[in-house]
């Protein structure tokens, strides 16, 4: 039996993982708004506005 696990990762220029979202099912391993907020935070160093 195989168990699938999927994920989306954002790796910073220094090699650290700036964002990760993992899930057992591929559709659940990606959240566009979360990823865009993580990219903005990584670029500016400020937390995202809500």
N, C-alpha and C. Protein backbone atom coordinates (compact mmCIF):
# COMPACT_ATOMS: atom_id res chain seq x y z
N UNK A 1 0.84 -1.17 0.00
CA UNK A 1 0.00 0.00 0.00
C UNK A 1 0.89 1.24 0.00
N UNK A 2 0.60 2.16 -0.87
CA UNK A 2 1.34 3.42 -0.95
C UNK A 2 0.52 4.54 -0.34
N UNK A 3 1.19 5.42 0.35
CA UNK A 3 0.54 6.59 0.91
C UNK A 3 1.14 7.81 0.23
N UNK A 4 0.29 8.58 -0.40
CA UNK A 4 0.74 9.78 -1.09
C UNK A 4 0.74 10.95 -0.12
N UNK A 5 1.73 11.81 -0.26
CA UNK A 5 1.80 13.02 0.54
C UNK A 5 2.31 14.12 -0.37
N UNK A 6 1.63 15.24 -0.40
CA UNK A 6 2.00 16.33 -1.29
C UNK A 6 2.31 17.58 -0.49
N UNK A 7 3.02 18.51 -1.12
CA UNK A 7 3.33 19.74 -0.41
C UNK A 7 3.73 20.87 -1.34
N UNK A 8 3.63 22.07 -0.80
CA UNK A 8 4.09 23.28 -1.46
C UNK A 8 5.10 23.93 -0.53
N UNK A 9 6.25 24.30 -1.06
CA UNK A 9 7.32 24.88 -0.25
C UNK A 9 7.81 26.16 -0.90
N UNK A 10 8.16 27.12 -0.05
CA UNK A 10 8.81 28.35 -0.49
C UNK A 10 10.17 28.38 0.19
N UNK A 11 11.22 28.33 -0.61
CA UNK A 11 12.58 28.31 -0.07
C UNK A 11 13.21 29.68 -0.29
N UNK A 12 13.70 30.28 0.79
CA UNK A 12 14.32 31.60 0.73
C UNK A 12 15.69 31.51 0.06
N UNK A 13 16.21 32.66 -0.31
CA UNK A 13 17.51 32.72 -0.99
C UNK A 13 18.63 32.10 -0.16
N UNK A 14 18.50 32.16 1.17
CA UNK A 14 19.55 31.59 2.03
C UNK A 14 19.36 30.09 2.27
N UNK A 15 18.36 29.50 1.62
CA UNK A 15 18.14 28.06 1.72
C UNK A 15 17.18 27.62 2.81
N UNK A 16 16.68 28.56 3.61
CA UNK A 16 15.72 28.19 4.64
C UNK A 16 14.32 28.05 4.05
N UNK A 17 13.52 27.22 4.67
CA UNK A 17 12.14 27.04 4.22
C UNK A 17 11.31 28.16 4.84
N UNK A 18 10.83 29.06 3.99
CA UNK A 18 10.07 30.21 4.45
C UNK A 18 8.59 29.88 4.61
N UNK A 19 8.12 28.85 3.92
CA UNK A 19 6.71 28.46 3.98
C UNK A 19 6.60 27.01 3.57
N UNK A 20 5.70 26.31 4.22
CA UNK A 20 5.40 24.94 3.78
C UNK A 20 3.97 24.61 4.13
N UNK A 21 3.33 23.90 3.25
CA UNK A 21 1.97 23.40 3.48
C UNK A 21 1.94 22.00 2.91
N UNK A 22 1.67 21.03 3.76
CA UNK A 22 1.64 19.64 3.32
C UNK A 22 0.27 19.04 3.62
N UNK A 23 -0.07 18.01 2.85
CA UNK A 23 -1.35 17.33 3.02
C UNK A 23 -1.28 15.96 2.38
N UNK A 24 -2.21 15.11 2.77
CA UNK A 24 -2.26 13.77 2.18
C UNK A 24 -2.81 13.81 0.76
N UNK A 25 -3.67 14.77 0.46
CA UNK A 25 -4.26 14.88 -0.87
C UNK A 25 -3.72 16.13 -1.57
N UNK A 26 -3.31 16.01 -2.83
CA UNK A 26 -2.71 17.14 -3.55
C UNK A 26 -3.53 18.43 -3.54
N UNK A 27 -4.86 18.39 -3.74
CA UNK A 27 -5.60 19.66 -3.74
C UNK A 27 -5.52 20.42 -2.41
N UNK A 28 -5.30 19.71 -1.33
CA UNK A 28 -5.22 20.36 -0.02
C UNK A 28 -3.83 20.88 0.31
N UNK A 29 -2.86 20.59 -0.54
CA UNK A 29 -1.48 20.99 -0.23
C UNK A 29 -1.12 22.34 -0.85
N UNK A 30 -2.11 23.02 -1.42
CA UNK A 30 -1.85 24.33 -2.03
C UNK A 30 -2.95 25.29 -1.63
N UNK A 31 -2.55 26.44 -1.11
CA UNK A 31 -3.48 27.52 -0.80
C UNK A 31 -2.88 28.80 -1.36
N UNK A 32 -3.49 29.29 -2.42
CA UNK A 32 -2.96 30.44 -3.16
C UNK A 32 -2.75 31.65 -2.25
N UNK A 33 -3.74 31.97 -1.44
CA UNK A 33 -3.65 33.16 -0.59
C UNK A 33 -2.57 33.02 0.48
N UNK A 34 -2.45 31.84 1.06
CA UNK A 34 -1.37 31.61 2.03
C UNK A 34 0.00 31.76 1.40
N UNK A 35 0.16 31.18 0.20
CA UNK A 35 1.44 31.24 -0.48
C UNK A 35 1.79 32.68 -0.87
N UNK A 36 0.82 33.42 -1.41
CA UNK A 36 1.09 34.81 -1.78
C UNK A 36 1.45 35.65 -0.55
N UNK A 37 0.79 35.40 0.57
CA UNK A 37 1.12 36.11 1.81
C UNK A 37 2.54 35.76 2.26
N UNK A 38 2.92 34.50 2.13
CA UNK A 38 4.27 34.08 2.52
C UNK A 38 5.32 34.72 1.61
N UNK A 39 5.02 34.82 0.33
CA UNK A 39 5.94 35.47 -0.61
C UNK A 39 6.10 36.94 -0.25
N UNK A 40 4.99 37.61 0.03
CA UNK A 40 5.05 39.03 0.40
C UNK A 40 5.83 39.21 1.69
N UNK A 41 5.61 38.35 2.65
CA UNK A 41 6.33 38.44 3.93
C UNK A 41 7.82 38.20 3.72
N UNK A 42 8.14 37.24 2.87
CA UNK A 42 9.55 36.93 2.59
C UNK A 42 10.24 38.11 1.91
N UNK A 43 9.52 38.79 1.02
CA UNK A 43 10.10 39.90 0.27
C UNK A 43 10.24 41.16 1.12
N UNK A 44 9.31 41.39 2.04
CA UNK A 44 9.31 42.64 2.80
C UNK A 44 9.79 42.48 4.23
N UNK A 45 9.72 41.27 4.75
CA UNK A 45 10.07 41.05 6.15
C UNK A 45 8.97 41.42 7.12
N UNK A 46 7.84 41.86 6.57
CA UNK A 46 6.70 42.24 7.41
C UNK A 46 5.62 41.18 7.30
N UNK A 47 4.89 40.94 8.39
CA UNK A 47 3.78 39.98 8.32
C UNK A 47 2.69 40.50 7.39
N UNK A 48 1.91 39.61 6.79
CA UNK A 48 0.86 40.05 5.86
C UNK A 48 -0.25 40.82 6.58
N UNK A 49 -0.87 41.74 5.86
CA UNK A 49 -2.02 42.47 6.40
C UNK A 49 -3.24 41.59 6.31
N UNK A 50 -4.12 41.72 7.27
CA UNK A 50 -5.37 40.92 7.25
C UNK A 50 -6.55 41.81 7.06
